[in-house]
N, C-alpha and C. Protein backbone atom coordinates (compact mmCIF):
# COMPACT_ATOMS: atom_id res chain seq x y z
N MET A 1 0.85 -1.19 0.00
CA MET A 1 0.00 0.00 0.00
C MET A 1 0.88 1.24 0.00
N ALA A 2 0.65 2.16 -0.97
CA ALA A 2 1.48 3.35 -1.06
C ALA A 2 1.02 4.39 -0.06
N LEU A 3 1.99 5.13 0.48
CA LEU A 3 1.67 6.19 1.43
C LEU A 3 1.08 7.39 0.70
N ALA A 4 0.22 8.12 1.39
CA ALA A 4 -0.38 9.31 0.78
C ALA A 4 0.71 10.34 0.50
N GLY A 5 0.65 10.98 -0.66
CA GLY A 5 1.62 12.00 -1.01
C GLY A 5 2.82 11.45 -1.75
N CYS A 6 2.95 10.14 -1.85
CA CYS A 6 4.08 9.55 -2.57
C CYS A 6 3.70 9.41 -4.04
N GLY A 7 4.61 9.78 -4.91
CA GLY A 7 4.34 9.72 -6.34
C GLY A 7 5.05 8.56 -6.98
N GLY A 8 5.20 8.65 -8.31
CA GLY A 8 5.85 7.58 -9.05
C GLY A 8 7.34 7.57 -8.85
N ILE A 9 7.97 6.60 -9.47
CA ILE A 9 9.42 6.43 -9.37
C ILE A 9 10.06 7.04 -10.61
N ALA A 10 11.14 7.80 -10.42
CA ALA A 10 11.84 8.43 -11.54
C ALA A 10 12.41 7.36 -12.47
N THR A 11 12.36 7.63 -13.77
CA THR A 11 12.80 6.63 -14.76
C THR A 11 13.94 7.10 -15.67
N ASN A 12 14.27 8.40 -15.66
CA ASN A 12 15.31 8.91 -16.56
C ASN A 12 16.68 8.64 -15.95
N ALA A 13 17.35 7.61 -16.44
CA ALA A 13 18.64 7.20 -15.88
C ALA A 13 19.81 7.94 -16.52
N SER A 14 19.56 8.84 -17.45
CA SER A 14 20.66 9.59 -18.08
C SER A 14 20.78 10.96 -17.42
N VAL A 15 21.82 11.70 -17.80
CA VAL A 15 21.99 13.06 -17.29
C VAL A 15 21.45 14.09 -18.28
N ASP A 16 20.76 13.63 -19.32
CA ASP A 16 20.09 14.53 -20.26
C ASP A 16 18.68 14.79 -19.75
N SER A 17 18.33 16.07 -19.68
CA SER A 17 16.99 16.41 -19.21
C SER A 17 15.96 16.07 -20.28
N ILE A 18 14.82 15.54 -19.84
CA ILE A 18 13.73 15.27 -20.78
C ILE A 18 12.93 16.54 -21.04
N HIS A 19 13.20 17.59 -20.28
CA HIS A 19 12.51 18.87 -20.43
C HIS A 19 13.39 19.81 -21.24
N GLN A 20 13.06 19.99 -22.50
CA GLN A 20 13.86 20.83 -23.39
C GLN A 20 13.01 22.01 -23.89
N PRO A 21 13.64 23.17 -24.16
CA PRO A 21 12.88 24.31 -24.68
C PRO A 21 12.25 24.01 -26.03
N VAL A 22 11.04 24.48 -26.21
CA VAL A 22 10.31 24.35 -27.47
C VAL A 22 10.10 25.77 -28.01
N VAL A 23 10.47 25.98 -29.27
CA VAL A 23 10.35 27.30 -29.90
C VAL A 23 9.13 27.30 -30.83
N GLU A 24 8.25 28.26 -30.61
CA GLU A 24 7.05 28.41 -31.44
C GLU A 24 7.12 29.75 -32.17
N ASN A 25 6.70 29.73 -33.43
CA ASN A 25 6.66 30.95 -34.24
C ASN A 25 5.22 31.36 -34.51
N ALA A 26 4.99 32.66 -34.52
CA ALA A 26 3.68 33.20 -34.88
C ALA A 26 3.89 34.32 -35.88
N ASN A 27 3.11 34.31 -36.96
CA ASN A 27 3.17 35.34 -37.99
C ASN A 27 2.02 36.32 -37.81
N TYR A 28 2.33 37.61 -37.81
CA TYR A 28 1.33 38.68 -37.75
C TYR A 28 1.45 39.48 -39.04
N THR A 29 0.32 39.77 -39.67
CA THR A 29 0.36 40.42 -40.98
C THR A 29 -0.46 41.70 -41.01
N LEU A 30 -0.04 42.60 -41.87
CA LEU A 30 -0.77 43.84 -42.15
C LEU A 30 -0.67 44.10 -43.64
N ASP A 31 -1.84 44.21 -44.30
CA ASP A 31 -1.87 44.51 -45.73
C ASP A 31 -1.97 46.01 -45.93
N LEU A 32 -1.11 46.53 -46.80
CA LEU A 32 -1.05 47.96 -47.10
C LEU A 32 -1.31 48.21 -48.57
N SER A 33 -1.91 49.36 -48.87
CA SER A 33 -2.10 49.77 -50.27
C SER A 33 -0.83 50.43 -50.77
N THR A 34 -0.43 50.07 -51.96
CA THR A 34 0.80 50.62 -52.53
C THR A 34 0.47 51.37 -53.82
N GLY A 35 1.43 52.17 -54.26
CA GLY A 35 1.29 52.91 -55.51
C GLY A 35 2.61 52.89 -56.25
N PRO A 36 2.71 53.62 -57.35
CA PRO A 36 3.96 53.64 -58.12
C PRO A 36 5.15 54.15 -57.31
N GLY A 37 4.87 55.04 -56.33
CA GLY A 37 5.95 55.60 -55.53
C GLY A 37 6.15 54.86 -54.21
N GLY A 38 5.53 53.71 -54.06
CA GLY A 38 5.67 52.94 -52.82
C GLY A 38 4.47 53.16 -51.91
N LEU A 39 4.74 53.43 -50.65
CA LEU A 39 3.67 53.64 -49.67
C LEU A 39 3.35 55.12 -49.54
N SER A 40 2.07 55.43 -49.50
CA SER A 40 1.67 56.82 -49.26
C SER A 40 2.01 57.19 -47.82
N TYR A 41 1.96 58.49 -47.53
CA TYR A 41 2.28 58.95 -46.18
C TYR A 41 1.30 58.38 -45.17
N ALA A 42 0.02 58.29 -45.55
CA ALA A 42 -0.99 57.73 -44.64
C ALA A 42 -0.71 56.26 -44.33
N GLU A 43 -0.30 55.51 -45.35
CA GLU A 43 -0.01 54.09 -45.14
C GLU A 43 1.27 53.91 -44.31
N GLN A 44 2.23 54.82 -44.50
CA GLN A 44 3.44 54.75 -43.67
C GLN A 44 3.11 55.01 -42.20
N ARG A 45 2.22 55.98 -41.95
CA ARG A 45 1.80 56.26 -40.57
C ARG A 45 1.04 55.06 -40.00
N ARG A 46 0.22 54.44 -40.83
CA ARG A 46 -0.52 53.26 -40.39
C ARG A 46 0.44 52.12 -40.02
N LEU A 47 1.45 51.90 -40.83
CA LEU A 47 2.45 50.87 -40.54
C LEU A 47 3.23 51.20 -39.28
N ASP A 48 3.59 52.47 -39.13
CA ASP A 48 4.34 52.91 -37.95
C ASP A 48 3.52 52.66 -36.68
N GLY A 49 2.22 52.96 -36.73
CA GLY A 49 1.35 52.71 -35.58
C GLY A 49 1.21 51.23 -35.28
N TRP A 50 1.16 50.41 -36.34
CA TRP A 50 1.06 48.96 -36.14
C TRP A 50 2.32 48.41 -35.50
N PHE A 51 3.48 48.90 -35.94
CA PHE A 51 4.73 48.47 -35.32
C PHE A 51 4.76 48.86 -33.83
N ASP A 52 4.24 50.06 -33.51
CA ASP A 52 4.18 50.46 -32.11
C ASP A 52 3.26 49.53 -31.32
N ALA A 53 2.11 49.20 -31.89
CA ALA A 53 1.17 48.31 -31.21
C ALA A 53 1.76 46.91 -31.03
N MET A 54 2.59 46.47 -31.99
CA MET A 54 3.22 45.15 -31.89
C MET A 54 4.38 45.15 -30.90
N ASP A 55 4.83 46.35 -30.49
CA ASP A 55 5.96 46.46 -29.56
C ASP A 55 7.15 45.64 -30.07
N LEU A 56 7.60 46.00 -31.27
CA LEU A 56 8.70 45.26 -31.90
C LEU A 56 9.93 45.25 -31.01
N ARG A 57 10.65 44.14 -31.04
CA ARG A 57 11.85 43.99 -30.22
C ARG A 57 12.85 43.08 -30.94
N TYR A 58 14.04 43.01 -30.35
CA TYR A 58 15.08 42.16 -30.92
C TYR A 58 14.57 40.72 -30.99
N GLY A 59 14.82 40.08 -32.12
CA GLY A 59 14.34 38.71 -32.32
C GLY A 59 13.16 38.65 -33.26
N ASP A 60 12.41 39.76 -33.39
CA ASP A 60 11.31 39.80 -34.35
C ASP A 60 11.89 39.91 -35.76
N ARG A 61 11.29 39.18 -36.68
CA ARG A 61 11.72 39.25 -38.07
C ARG A 61 10.63 39.92 -38.90
N ILE A 62 11.03 40.85 -39.76
CA ILE A 62 10.08 41.60 -40.58
C ILE A 62 10.36 41.27 -42.05
N ALA A 63 9.28 41.00 -42.78
CA ALA A 63 9.40 40.70 -44.20
C ALA A 63 8.28 41.40 -44.96
N VAL A 64 8.50 41.59 -46.25
CA VAL A 64 7.50 42.22 -47.12
C VAL A 64 7.15 41.24 -48.24
N ASP A 65 5.85 40.97 -48.39
CA ASP A 65 5.37 40.14 -49.48
C ASP A 65 4.65 41.07 -50.46
N ASP A 66 5.34 41.40 -51.54
CA ASP A 66 4.81 42.34 -52.53
C ASP A 66 4.82 41.66 -53.89
N PRO A 67 3.64 41.41 -54.48
CA PRO A 67 3.61 40.73 -55.79
C PRO A 67 4.37 41.49 -56.88
N LEU A 68 4.41 42.82 -56.77
CA LEU A 68 5.08 43.63 -57.79
C LEU A 68 6.58 43.78 -57.51
N GLY A 69 7.01 43.43 -56.30
CA GLY A 69 8.43 43.57 -55.96
C GLY A 69 8.90 45.00 -56.02
N SER A 70 8.07 45.94 -55.58
CA SER A 70 8.39 47.36 -55.66
C SER A 70 9.50 47.73 -54.68
N GLU A 71 10.58 48.28 -55.22
CA GLU A 71 11.69 48.69 -54.37
C GLU A 71 11.34 49.89 -53.48
N PRO A 72 10.56 50.90 -53.98
CA PRO A 72 10.16 52.00 -53.09
C PRO A 72 9.32 51.53 -51.91
N THR A 73 8.46 50.53 -52.12
CA THR A 73 7.65 49.99 -51.02
C THR A 73 8.55 49.33 -50.00
N ARG A 74 9.46 48.50 -50.46
CA ARG A 74 10.38 47.81 -49.55
C ARG A 74 11.25 48.82 -48.79
N SER A 75 11.70 49.86 -49.47
CA SER A 75 12.54 50.88 -48.82
C SER A 75 11.78 51.63 -47.75
N ALA A 76 10.49 51.91 -48.00
CA ALA A 76 9.69 52.61 -47.00
C ALA A 76 9.49 51.76 -45.75
N VAL A 77 9.22 50.48 -45.94
CA VAL A 77 9.05 49.57 -44.79
C VAL A 77 10.38 49.43 -44.05
N ALA A 78 11.47 49.31 -44.81
CA ALA A 78 12.80 49.17 -44.19
C ALA A 78 13.15 50.38 -43.35
N ALA A 79 12.79 51.58 -43.83
CA ALA A 79 13.10 52.81 -43.09
C ALA A 79 12.34 52.86 -41.78
N ILE A 80 11.08 52.44 -41.79
CA ILE A 80 10.28 52.46 -40.56
C ILE A 80 10.78 51.40 -39.58
N ALA A 81 11.18 50.25 -40.11
CA ALA A 81 11.73 49.20 -39.23
C ALA A 81 13.08 49.62 -38.67
N ALA A 82 13.87 50.36 -39.46
CA ALA A 82 15.20 50.77 -39.01
C ALA A 82 15.13 51.71 -37.81
N ARG A 83 14.03 52.46 -37.68
CA ARG A 83 13.89 53.33 -36.51
C ARG A 83 13.81 52.53 -35.23
N ARG A 84 13.48 51.27 -35.35
CA ARG A 84 13.39 50.39 -34.18
C ARG A 84 14.57 49.43 -34.10
N GLY A 85 15.58 49.67 -34.92
CA GLY A 85 16.79 48.86 -34.88
C GLY A 85 16.65 47.50 -35.53
N LEU A 86 15.68 47.33 -36.43
CA LEU A 86 15.47 46.04 -37.09
C LEU A 86 15.66 46.19 -38.59
N ILE A 87 16.05 45.09 -39.23
CA ILE A 87 16.22 45.09 -40.68
C ILE A 87 15.26 44.06 -41.28
N LEU A 88 15.00 44.21 -42.58
CA LEU A 88 14.08 43.31 -43.26
C LEU A 88 14.74 41.99 -43.61
N SER A 89 13.95 40.92 -43.57
CA SER A 89 14.41 39.62 -44.03
C SER A 89 14.38 39.60 -45.56
N ASP A 90 15.22 38.75 -46.13
CA ASP A 90 15.28 38.66 -47.59
C ASP A 90 14.05 37.97 -48.17
N THR A 91 13.52 36.98 -47.45
CA THR A 91 12.38 36.22 -47.95
C THR A 91 11.23 36.32 -46.96
N ALA A 92 10.02 36.27 -47.50
CA ALA A 92 8.82 36.34 -46.67
C ALA A 92 8.28 34.94 -46.42
N PRO A 93 7.83 34.66 -45.20
CA PRO A 93 7.24 33.34 -44.93
C PRO A 93 5.87 33.22 -45.60
N ALA A 94 5.41 31.99 -45.79
CA ALA A 94 4.10 31.75 -46.38
C ALA A 94 3.02 32.15 -45.38
N THR A 95 2.02 32.87 -45.86
CA THR A 95 0.91 33.31 -45.02
C THR A 95 -0.40 32.93 -45.68
N GLN A 96 -1.46 32.98 -44.90
CA GLN A 96 -2.77 32.59 -45.41
C GLN A 96 -3.32 33.68 -46.33
N GLY A 97 -4.00 33.27 -47.39
CA GLY A 97 -4.60 34.23 -48.30
C GLY A 97 -3.66 34.62 -49.42
N TYR A 98 -4.19 35.50 -50.26
CA TYR A 98 -3.45 35.93 -51.46
C TYR A 98 -3.29 37.44 -51.44
N VAL A 99 -2.10 37.91 -51.78
CA VAL A 99 -1.83 39.34 -51.84
C VAL A 99 -2.02 39.79 -53.28
N THR A 100 -2.97 40.68 -53.50
CA THR A 100 -3.26 41.14 -54.86
C THR A 100 -2.31 42.27 -55.25
N ALA A 101 -2.18 42.47 -56.56
CA ALA A 101 -1.34 43.57 -57.06
C ALA A 101 -1.93 44.89 -56.58
N GLY A 102 -1.05 45.82 -56.22
CA GLY A 102 -1.49 47.08 -55.65
C GLY A 102 -1.54 47.04 -54.14
N ASN A 103 -1.19 45.90 -53.56
CA ASN A 103 -1.11 45.74 -52.10
C ASN A 103 0.21 45.09 -51.75
N ALA A 104 0.65 45.31 -50.54
CA ALA A 104 1.84 44.65 -50.02
C ALA A 104 1.52 44.18 -48.60
N ARG A 105 2.00 43.02 -48.27
CA ARG A 105 1.77 42.46 -46.94
C ARG A 105 3.06 42.53 -46.13
N VAL A 106 2.98 43.19 -44.98
CA VAL A 106 4.11 43.25 -44.06
C VAL A 106 3.89 42.15 -43.02
N ILE A 107 4.91 41.32 -42.81
CA ILE A 107 4.80 40.17 -41.92
C ILE A 107 5.82 40.30 -40.80
N VAL A 108 5.34 40.21 -39.58
CA VAL A 108 6.20 40.17 -38.41
C VAL A 108 6.15 38.76 -37.85
N THR A 109 7.30 38.11 -37.82
CA THR A 109 7.40 36.76 -37.26
C THR A 109 8.01 36.86 -35.88
N ARG A 110 7.29 36.37 -34.90
CA ARG A 110 7.74 36.44 -33.50
C ARG A 110 7.90 35.03 -32.96
N SER A 111 9.01 34.79 -32.30
CA SER A 111 9.30 33.48 -31.72
C SER A 111 9.17 33.53 -30.21
N LYS A 112 8.73 32.40 -29.64
CA LYS A 112 8.59 32.30 -28.19
C LYS A 112 9.13 30.95 -27.77
N ALA A 113 9.93 30.93 -26.70
CA ALA A 113 10.48 29.68 -26.19
C ALA A 113 9.87 29.35 -24.83
N THR A 114 9.42 28.13 -24.69
CA THR A 114 8.88 27.65 -23.41
C THR A 114 9.38 26.23 -23.17
N VAL A 115 9.25 25.78 -21.93
CA VAL A 115 9.61 24.40 -21.58
C VAL A 115 8.33 23.74 -21.06
N PRO A 116 7.64 22.98 -21.91
CA PRO A 116 6.39 22.35 -21.48
C PRO A 116 6.61 21.34 -20.36
N GLY A 117 5.63 21.28 -19.48
CA GLY A 117 5.67 20.27 -18.41
C GLY A 117 6.51 20.65 -17.21
N CYS A 118 6.97 21.87 -17.14
CA CYS A 118 7.79 22.30 -16.00
C CYS A 118 7.00 23.27 -15.13
N PRO A 119 7.15 23.19 -13.82
CA PRO A 119 7.90 22.19 -13.07
C PRO A 119 7.17 20.85 -13.05
N ASN A 120 7.94 19.81 -12.78
CA ASN A 120 7.40 18.45 -12.79
C ASN A 120 7.86 17.73 -11.52
N TRP A 121 6.96 17.64 -10.56
CA TRP A 121 7.29 16.96 -9.30
C TRP A 121 6.54 15.64 -9.19
N SER A 122 6.38 14.94 -10.32
CA SER A 122 5.60 13.71 -10.32
C SER A 122 6.30 12.57 -9.58
N SER A 123 7.63 12.59 -9.54
CA SER A 123 8.34 11.53 -8.81
C SER A 123 8.71 12.05 -7.42
N ARG A 124 7.82 11.82 -6.47
CA ARG A 124 8.04 12.30 -5.10
C ARG A 124 8.47 11.17 -4.18
N ASN A 125 8.90 10.08 -4.76
CA ASN A 125 9.27 8.91 -3.98
C ASN A 125 10.79 8.85 -3.83
N ASP A 126 11.27 8.60 -2.62
CA ASP A 126 12.71 8.48 -2.41
C ASP A 126 13.25 7.16 -2.92
N PHE A 127 12.39 6.19 -3.14
CA PHE A 127 12.82 4.89 -3.66
C PHE A 127 13.25 5.06 -5.11
N ASN A 128 14.52 4.77 -5.41
CA ASN A 128 15.09 5.05 -6.72
C ASN A 128 15.92 3.87 -7.21
N PRO A 129 15.26 2.76 -7.59
CA PRO A 129 16.02 1.58 -8.03
C PRO A 129 16.69 1.77 -9.39
N ASN A 130 16.27 2.78 -10.18
CA ASN A 130 16.85 3.02 -11.51
C ASN A 130 18.04 3.97 -11.47
N ASN A 131 18.39 4.47 -10.26
CA ASN A 131 19.45 5.48 -10.14
C ASN A 131 19.18 6.62 -11.13
N ALA A 132 17.92 7.08 -11.14
CA ALA A 132 17.47 8.06 -12.13
C ALA A 132 17.50 9.47 -11.55
N THR A 133 17.51 10.44 -12.45
CA THR A 133 17.43 11.84 -12.04
C THR A 133 15.97 12.18 -11.70
N SER A 134 15.79 13.25 -10.97
CA SER A 134 14.45 13.68 -10.57
C SER A 134 13.60 14.00 -11.80
N SER A 135 12.29 13.86 -11.65
CA SER A 135 11.39 14.19 -12.75
C SER A 135 11.46 15.67 -13.09
N ASN A 136 11.94 16.50 -12.17
CA ASN A 136 12.06 17.94 -12.38
C ASN A 136 13.45 18.34 -12.88
N TYR A 137 14.31 17.37 -13.08
CA TYR A 137 15.69 17.64 -13.47
C TYR A 137 15.74 18.41 -14.79
N GLY A 138 16.43 19.54 -14.80
CA GLY A 138 16.61 20.35 -16.00
C GLY A 138 15.57 21.44 -16.16
N CYS A 139 14.51 21.41 -15.37
CA CYS A 139 13.45 22.41 -15.52
C CYS A 139 13.95 23.82 -15.21
N ALA A 140 14.68 23.97 -14.13
CA ALA A 140 15.12 25.31 -13.73
C ALA A 140 16.06 25.92 -14.77
N VAL A 141 17.07 25.16 -15.18
CA VAL A 141 18.06 25.68 -16.13
C VAL A 141 17.41 25.99 -17.47
N ASN A 142 16.66 25.04 -18.01
CA ASN A 142 16.10 25.24 -19.34
C ASN A 142 14.98 26.27 -19.36
N SER A 143 14.19 26.37 -18.28
CA SER A 143 13.15 27.39 -18.22
C SER A 143 13.76 28.78 -18.14
N ASN A 144 14.83 28.93 -17.35
CA ASN A 144 15.51 30.23 -17.27
C ASN A 144 16.16 30.60 -18.59
N LEU A 145 16.77 29.62 -19.25
CA LEU A 145 17.40 29.87 -20.55
C LEU A 145 16.35 30.31 -21.57
N ALA A 146 15.21 29.62 -21.59
CA ALA A 146 14.14 29.98 -22.53
C ALA A 146 13.59 31.36 -22.25
N ALA A 147 13.55 31.75 -20.96
CA ALA A 147 13.01 33.06 -20.60
C ALA A 147 14.00 34.18 -20.89
N MET A 148 15.29 33.91 -20.80
CA MET A 148 16.29 34.97 -20.91
C MET A 148 16.84 35.19 -22.32
N VAL A 149 16.80 34.16 -23.18
CA VAL A 149 17.41 34.31 -24.50
C VAL A 149 16.67 35.41 -25.28
N ALA A 150 17.44 36.33 -25.84
CA ALA A 150 16.84 37.47 -26.53
C ALA A 150 16.13 37.05 -27.80
N ASN A 151 16.73 36.16 -28.55
CA ASN A 151 16.13 35.67 -29.78
C ASN A 151 15.94 34.16 -29.65
N PRO A 152 14.71 33.69 -29.42
CA PRO A 152 14.50 32.25 -29.23
C PRO A 152 14.98 31.39 -30.39
N GLU A 153 15.07 31.96 -31.59
CA GLU A 153 15.56 31.19 -32.74
C GLU A 153 16.99 30.69 -32.51
N HIS A 154 17.74 31.39 -31.66
CA HIS A 154 19.13 30.97 -31.41
C HIS A 154 19.20 29.65 -30.66
N LEU A 155 18.11 29.25 -30.01
CA LEU A 155 18.08 27.94 -29.36
C LEU A 155 18.05 26.82 -30.40
N LEU A 156 17.61 27.13 -31.62
CA LEU A 156 17.53 26.12 -32.66
C LEU A 156 18.78 26.04 -33.52
N LYS A 157 19.28 27.21 -33.94
CA LYS A 157 20.40 27.19 -34.89
C LYS A 157 21.52 28.15 -34.57
N GLY A 158 21.42 28.90 -33.50
CA GLY A 158 22.51 29.81 -33.14
C GLY A 158 22.60 30.99 -34.08
N GLU A 159 23.50 31.90 -33.75
CA GLU A 159 23.69 33.10 -34.55
C GLU A 159 24.83 32.90 -35.53
N LYS A 160 24.58 33.25 -36.78
CA LYS A 160 25.64 33.14 -37.79
C LYS A 160 26.55 34.34 -37.68
N GLY A 161 27.85 34.10 -37.72
CA GLY A 161 28.82 35.18 -37.67
C GLY A 161 29.61 35.26 -38.96
N ASP A 162 30.27 36.36 -39.14
CA ASP A 162 31.13 36.55 -40.31
C ASP A 162 32.52 36.10 -39.92
N SER A 163 32.91 34.91 -40.40
CA SER A 163 34.20 34.34 -40.00
C SER A 163 35.37 35.22 -40.43
N ASP A 164 35.23 35.89 -41.58
CA ASP A 164 36.31 36.75 -42.05
C ASP A 164 36.56 37.89 -41.06
N THR A 165 35.47 38.47 -40.54
CA THR A 165 35.62 39.56 -39.58
C THR A 165 36.28 39.06 -38.30
N LEU A 166 35.89 37.88 -37.83
CA LEU A 166 36.48 37.33 -36.62
C LEU A 166 37.97 37.07 -36.81
N ILE A 167 38.32 36.53 -37.97
CA ILE A 167 39.74 36.22 -38.23
C ILE A 167 40.55 37.52 -38.30
N MET A 168 40.00 38.54 -38.95
CA MET A 168 40.72 39.81 -39.05
C MET A 168 40.92 40.43 -37.68
N SER A 169 39.90 40.35 -36.82
CA SER A 169 40.00 40.93 -35.48
C SER A 169 41.04 40.20 -34.65
N SER A 170 41.01 38.87 -34.70
CA SER A 170 41.97 38.11 -33.90
C SER A 170 43.39 38.30 -34.42
N ASN A 171 43.56 38.35 -35.73
CA ASN A 171 44.90 38.54 -36.30
C ASN A 171 45.47 39.90 -35.92
N LYS A 172 44.62 40.91 -35.83
CA LYS A 172 45.09 42.25 -35.45
C LYS A 172 45.69 42.22 -34.05
N ALA A 173 45.02 41.55 -33.12
CA ALA A 173 45.52 41.46 -31.75
C ALA A 173 46.81 40.65 -31.69
N ILE A 174 46.85 39.55 -32.45
CA ILE A 174 48.05 38.70 -32.46
C ILE A 174 49.24 39.45 -33.04
N ASN A 175 49.03 40.16 -34.14
CA ASN A 175 50.13 40.91 -34.77
C ASN A 175 50.64 42.03 -33.86
N ALA A 176 49.72 42.69 -33.13
CA ALA A 176 50.14 43.75 -32.21
C ALA A 176 50.99 43.16 -31.08
N TYR A 177 50.64 41.97 -30.62
CA TYR A 177 51.41 41.32 -29.56
C TYR A 177 52.80 40.91 -30.06
N ARG A 178 52.84 40.37 -31.27
CA ARG A 178 54.12 39.92 -31.82
C ARG A 178 55.05 41.09 -32.13
N ALA A 179 54.50 42.23 -32.52
CA ALA A 179 55.32 43.38 -32.88
C ALA A 179 55.84 44.13 -31.65
N LYS A 180 55.30 43.85 -30.51
CA LYS A 180 55.69 44.57 -29.31
C LYS A 180 57.08 44.15 -28.85
N ASP A 181 57.85 45.13 -28.39
CA ASP A 181 59.18 44.86 -27.87
C ASP A 181 59.03 44.16 -26.52
N LEU A 182 59.58 42.96 -26.41
CA LEU A 182 59.36 42.14 -25.21
C LEU A 182 60.14 42.62 -23.99
N ASN A 183 61.15 43.46 -24.19
CA ASN A 183 61.93 43.91 -23.03
C ASN A 183 61.37 45.19 -22.41
N GLY A 184 60.21 45.61 -22.86
CA GLY A 184 59.59 46.80 -22.28
C GLY A 184 60.08 48.09 -22.90
N GLY A 185 60.86 48.01 -23.96
CA GLY A 185 61.36 49.22 -24.60
C GLY A 185 60.29 49.86 -25.46
N GLY A 186 60.66 50.92 -26.13
CA GLY A 186 59.73 51.61 -27.00
C GLY A 186 58.83 52.54 -26.21
N GLY A 187 57.67 52.79 -26.74
CA GLY A 187 56.75 53.73 -26.11
C GLY A 187 56.19 53.23 -24.80
N ASN A 188 56.21 51.92 -24.58
CA ASN A 188 55.64 51.36 -23.36
C ASN A 188 56.71 51.04 -22.32
N ALA A 189 57.87 51.63 -22.44
CA ALA A 189 58.96 51.33 -21.52
C ALA A 189 58.61 51.78 -20.11
N VAL A 190 59.05 50.97 -19.14
CA VAL A 190 58.81 51.30 -17.74
C VAL A 190 59.87 52.31 -17.30
N LYS A 191 59.43 53.40 -16.73
CA LYS A 191 60.38 54.43 -16.31
C LYS A 191 61.11 53.98 -15.06
N GLN A 192 62.42 54.28 -15.05
CA GLN A 192 63.23 53.93 -13.88
C GLN A 192 63.10 55.02 -12.82
N THR A 193 62.84 54.60 -11.62
CA THR A 193 62.73 55.56 -10.50
C THR A 193 63.66 55.13 -9.39
N SER A 194 64.12 56.09 -8.63
CA SER A 194 65.03 55.80 -7.53
C SER A 194 64.24 55.68 -6.23
N SER A 195 64.70 54.75 -5.37
CA SER A 195 64.04 54.59 -4.07
C SER A 195 64.65 55.50 -3.01
N LYS A 196 65.74 56.20 -3.39
CA LYS A 196 66.40 57.08 -2.45
C LYS A 196 65.66 58.41 -2.38
N ALA A 197 65.54 58.91 -1.19
CA ALA A 197 64.89 60.21 -1.00
C ALA A 197 65.85 61.31 -1.43
N ASP A 198 65.33 62.34 -2.07
CA ASP A 198 66.17 63.46 -2.48
C ASP A 198 66.45 64.39 -1.32
């Protein structure tokens, strides 16, 4: 007979947590009327207000789906996004419906990371014949990581860097170190001082 308050027995015998962050994406769209010169001033104000309402932040991706591929339209959206420190994506994700000529769809893709099933205190039994980790193992670390990461997409594929820039930066520091006079001479020479009082 099991005692009241006792739960199941832990079964995860590895040190890998079964609780991992899950990244979900949501697309938000706004259709705008376009013309030969791109977006009218009224449509630009409408887009600016929508961006304010969306409370754009780092990690949000902005794309333009324009059947005509109008460069003035794309430039107008890019300028409004740039005021918030964001740049446009090269490709637009698939969205529901059809964008007709004379309209452009602005798409904001927002990612959210969560750890489902946490906290998990289902194994409240001290009896541990499997030498397993707690059912809650990994919840604290992974939940905090999911809450703190600025761009949840980085949990999936990380941030791409420009390797050429990194190599140039590291080589600059290495070359400066190698060119330095090792005996302390040159401009960085240590001045000699006397310990005798004058």
